[in-house]
Amino acid sequence: MSDRFADAAERLAGLAAAIAGWRPDEFWRATPAELATILRALGGDGGGPDAAGKNDLDRLKELFPDG
């Protein structure tokens, strides 16, 4: 996996912690679909220039097709 995936995962983990109060183990156990749902539900679209976007979530779904 590339550094880009690691960077996106780090940003998503940070968002999940800040917005939903998830701890790292909760983030890593969640499916990409669960993560996308919680971010949308809480009003976070991952906006901003460094945010993980739809392509990053689609890539996570591709890599981990359990959700």
N, C-alpha and C. Protein backbone atom coordinates (compact mmCIF):
# COMPACT_ATOMS: atom_id res chain seq x y z
N MET A 1 0.84 -1.18 0.00
CA MET A 1 0.00 0.00 0.00
C MET A 1 0.88 1.24 0.00
N SER A 2 0.36 2.27 -0.56
CA SER A 2 1.16 3.48 -0.70
C SER A 2 1.04 4.38 0.52
N ASP A 3 1.90 5.38 0.56
CA ASP A 3 1.82 6.38 1.62
C ASP A 3 0.50 7.11 1.56
N ARG A 4 -0.06 7.24 0.39
CA ARG A 4 -1.34 7.93 0.24
C ARG A 4 -2.43 7.24 1.06
N PHE A 5 -2.48 5.91 1.03
CA PHE A 5 -3.45 5.18 1.85
C PHE A 5 -3.22 5.46 3.32
N ALA A 6 -1.97 5.42 3.75
CA ALA A 6 -1.65 5.67 5.16
C ALA A 6 -2.07 7.08 5.56
N ASP A 7 -1.83 8.05 4.70
CA ASP A 7 -2.23 9.42 5.00
C ASP A 7 -3.74 9.54 5.10
N ALA A 8 -4.46 8.91 4.17
CA ALA A 8 -5.92 8.96 4.20
C ALA A 8 -6.47 8.27 5.44
N ALA A 9 -5.89 7.12 5.79
CA ALA A 9 -6.34 6.39 6.97
C ALA A 9 -6.11 7.21 8.23
N GLU A 10 -4.98 7.90 8.28
CA GLU A 10 -4.68 8.74 9.45
C GLU A 10 -5.69 9.88 9.57
N ARG A 11 -6.01 10.51 8.46
CA ARG A 11 -6.99 11.60 8.49
C ARG A 11 -8.37 11.08 8.89
N LEU A 12 -8.77 9.95 8.33
CA LEU A 12 -10.07 9.38 8.66
C LEU A 12 -10.14 8.96 10.12
N ALA A 13 -9.07 8.37 10.64
CA ALA A 13 -9.03 7.99 12.05
C ALA A 13 -9.16 9.22 12.94
N GLY A 14 -8.48 10.29 12.55
CA GLY A 14 -8.58 11.54 13.30
C GLY A 14 -9.98 12.12 13.28
N LEU A 15 -10.62 12.08 12.12
CA LEU A 15 -12.00 12.55 12.02
C LEU A 15 -12.93 11.71 12.88
N ALA A 16 -12.77 10.41 12.80
CA ALA A 16 -13.62 9.51 13.59
C ALA A 16 -13.45 9.77 15.08
N ALA A 17 -12.23 10.03 15.50
CA ALA A 17 -11.97 10.32 16.92
C ALA A 17 -12.56 11.66 17.32
N ALA A 18 -12.33 12.67 16.50
CA ALA A 18 -12.78 14.02 16.85
C ALA A 18 -14.30 14.16 16.77
N ILE A 19 -14.89 13.56 15.77
CA ILE A 19 -16.32 13.75 15.55
C ILE A 19 -17.16 12.74 16.32
N ALA A 20 -16.76 11.49 16.31
CA ALA A 20 -17.58 10.44 16.91
C ALA A 20 -17.01 9.89 18.21
N GLY A 21 -15.81 10.31 18.57
CA GLY A 21 -15.20 9.82 19.80
C GLY A 21 -14.68 8.40 19.70
N TRP A 22 -14.47 7.93 18.47
CA TRP A 22 -13.97 6.57 18.29
C TRP A 22 -12.53 6.46 18.74
N ARG A 23 -12.22 5.36 19.39
CA ARG A 23 -10.83 5.02 19.72
C ARG A 23 -10.24 4.28 18.52
N PRO A 24 -8.91 4.18 18.44
CA PRO A 24 -8.30 3.52 17.28
C PRO A 24 -8.87 2.13 16.99
N ASP A 25 -9.09 1.32 18.01
CA ASP A 25 -9.60 -0.03 17.74
C ASP A 25 -11.01 0.01 17.17
N GLU A 26 -11.81 0.99 17.56
CA GLU A 26 -13.15 1.13 16.99
C GLU A 26 -13.07 1.55 15.52
N PHE A 27 -12.14 2.44 15.23
CA PHE A 27 -11.94 2.86 13.84
C PHE A 27 -11.55 1.67 12.97
N TRP A 28 -10.56 0.89 13.42
CA TRP A 28 -10.06 -0.19 12.58
C TRP A 28 -11.03 -1.36 12.48
N ARG A 29 -11.93 -1.52 13.44
CA ARG A 29 -12.94 -2.57 13.35
C ARG A 29 -14.12 -2.16 12.47
N ALA A 30 -14.32 -0.87 12.28
CA ALA A 30 -15.45 -0.38 11.49
C ALA A 30 -15.23 -0.66 10.00
N THR A 31 -16.31 -0.87 9.31
CA THR A 31 -16.23 -1.02 7.86
C THR A 31 -16.15 0.38 7.24
N PRO A 32 -15.64 0.48 6.01
CA PRO A 32 -15.65 1.78 5.34
C PRO A 32 -17.06 2.36 5.23
N ALA A 33 -18.06 1.51 5.00
CA ALA A 33 -19.43 2.00 4.90
C ALA A 33 -19.90 2.58 6.24
N GLU A 34 -19.53 1.96 7.34
CA GLU A 34 -19.89 2.49 8.66
C GLU A 34 -19.23 3.84 8.89
N LEU A 35 -17.98 3.94 8.52
CA LEU A 35 -17.26 5.20 8.69
C LEU A 35 -17.90 6.30 7.85
N ALA A 36 -18.19 6.02 6.60
CA ALA A 36 -18.83 7.01 5.73
C ALA A 36 -20.17 7.44 6.31
N THR A 37 -20.93 6.49 6.83
CA THR A 37 -22.24 6.80 7.39
C THR A 37 -22.12 7.71 8.60
N ILE A 38 -21.21 7.42 9.50
CA ILE A 38 -21.08 8.24 10.71
C ILE A 38 -20.58 9.63 10.36
N LEU A 39 -19.68 9.76 9.42
CA LEU A 39 -19.19 11.08 9.03
C LEU A 39 -20.30 11.90 8.38
N ARG A 40 -21.09 11.27 7.52
CA ARG A 40 -22.21 11.98 6.90
C ARG A 40 -23.26 12.36 7.94
N ALA A 41 -23.58 11.44 8.85
CA ALA A 41 -24.61 11.68 9.85
C ALA A 41 -24.24 12.83 10.79
N LEU A 42 -22.96 12.97 11.05
CA LEU A 42 -22.51 14.02 11.96
C LEU A 42 -22.14 15.31 11.23
N GLY A 43 -22.44 15.35 9.95
CA GLY A 43 -22.23 16.58 9.20
C GLY A 43 -20.83 16.76 8.67
N GLY A 44 -19.97 15.80 8.86
CA GLY A 44 -18.62 15.90 8.32
C GLY A 44 -18.56 15.23 6.98
N ASP A 45 -18.21 15.98 5.98
CA ASP A 45 -18.05 15.36 4.67
C ASP A 45 -16.59 15.14 4.36
N GLY A 46 -15.74 15.39 5.37
CA GLY A 46 -14.31 15.25 5.15
C GLY A 46 -13.76 16.42 4.38
N GLY A 47 -14.45 17.55 4.40
CA GLY A 47 -14.07 18.72 3.63
C GLY A 47 -12.69 19.24 3.98
N GLY A 48 -12.18 20.04 3.10
CA GLY A 48 -10.87 20.62 3.30
C GLY A 48 -9.87 20.02 2.34
N PRO A 49 -8.79 20.71 2.10
CA PRO A 49 -7.84 20.25 1.08
C PRO A 49 -7.12 18.96 1.42
N ASP A 50 -6.97 18.63 2.68
CA ASP A 50 -6.24 17.43 3.06
C ASP A 50 -7.15 16.29 3.49
N ALA A 51 -8.42 16.47 3.34
CA ALA A 51 -9.37 15.47 3.82
C ALA A 51 -9.44 14.27 2.88
N ALA A 52 -9.75 13.14 3.47
CA ALA A 52 -10.00 11.96 2.66
C ALA A 52 -11.34 12.14 1.98
N GLY A 53 -11.41 11.81 0.75
CA GLY A 53 -12.64 12.02 0.00
C GLY A 53 -13.29 10.72 -0.42
N LYS A 54 -14.27 10.86 -1.31
CA LYS A 54 -15.02 9.71 -1.79
C LYS A 54 -14.10 8.67 -2.41
N ASN A 55 -13.11 9.10 -3.16
CA ASN A 55 -12.19 8.13 -3.77
C ASN A 55 -11.44 7.32 -2.72
N ASP A 56 -11.06 7.98 -1.62
CA ASP A 56 -10.38 7.27 -0.54
C ASP A 56 -11.31 6.25 0.10
N LEU A 57 -12.56 6.63 0.34
CA LEU A 57 -13.51 5.69 0.92
C LEU A 57 -13.82 4.55 -0.05
N ASP A 58 -13.95 4.88 -1.34
CA ASP A 58 -14.17 3.83 -2.34
C ASP A 58 -13.01 2.85 -2.36
N ARG A 59 -11.79 3.36 -2.24
CA ARG A 59 -10.61 2.49 -2.21
C ARG A 59 -10.62 1.59 -0.97
N LEU A 60 -11.01 2.15 0.18
CA LEU A 60 -11.12 1.33 1.40
C LEU A 60 -12.17 0.24 1.21
N LYS A 61 -13.29 0.59 0.60
CA LYS A 61 -14.35 -0.39 0.35
C LYS A 61 -13.85 -1.51 -0.56
N GLU A 62 -13.04 -1.12 -1.55
CA GLU A 62 -12.47 -2.11 -2.46
C GLU A 62 -11.50 -3.04 -1.74
N LEU A 63 -10.67 -2.45 -0.88
CA LEU A 63 -9.69 -3.25 -0.16
C LEU A 63 -10.32 -4.12 0.92
N PHE A 64 -11.39 -3.62 1.52
CA PHE A 64 -12.05 -4.31 2.63
C PHE A 64 -13.54 -4.42 2.35
N PRO A 65 -13.95 -5.33 1.47
CA PRO A 65 -15.33 -5.39 1.01
C PRO A 65 -16.31 -6.06 1.98
N ASP A 66 -16.15 -5.80 3.26
CA ASP A 66 -17.02 -6.44 4.25
C ASP A 66 -18.19 -5.55 4.66
N GLY A 67 -18.36 -4.43 4.07
CA GLY A 67 -19.44 -3.56 4.48
C GLY A 67 -19.93 -2.77 3.37
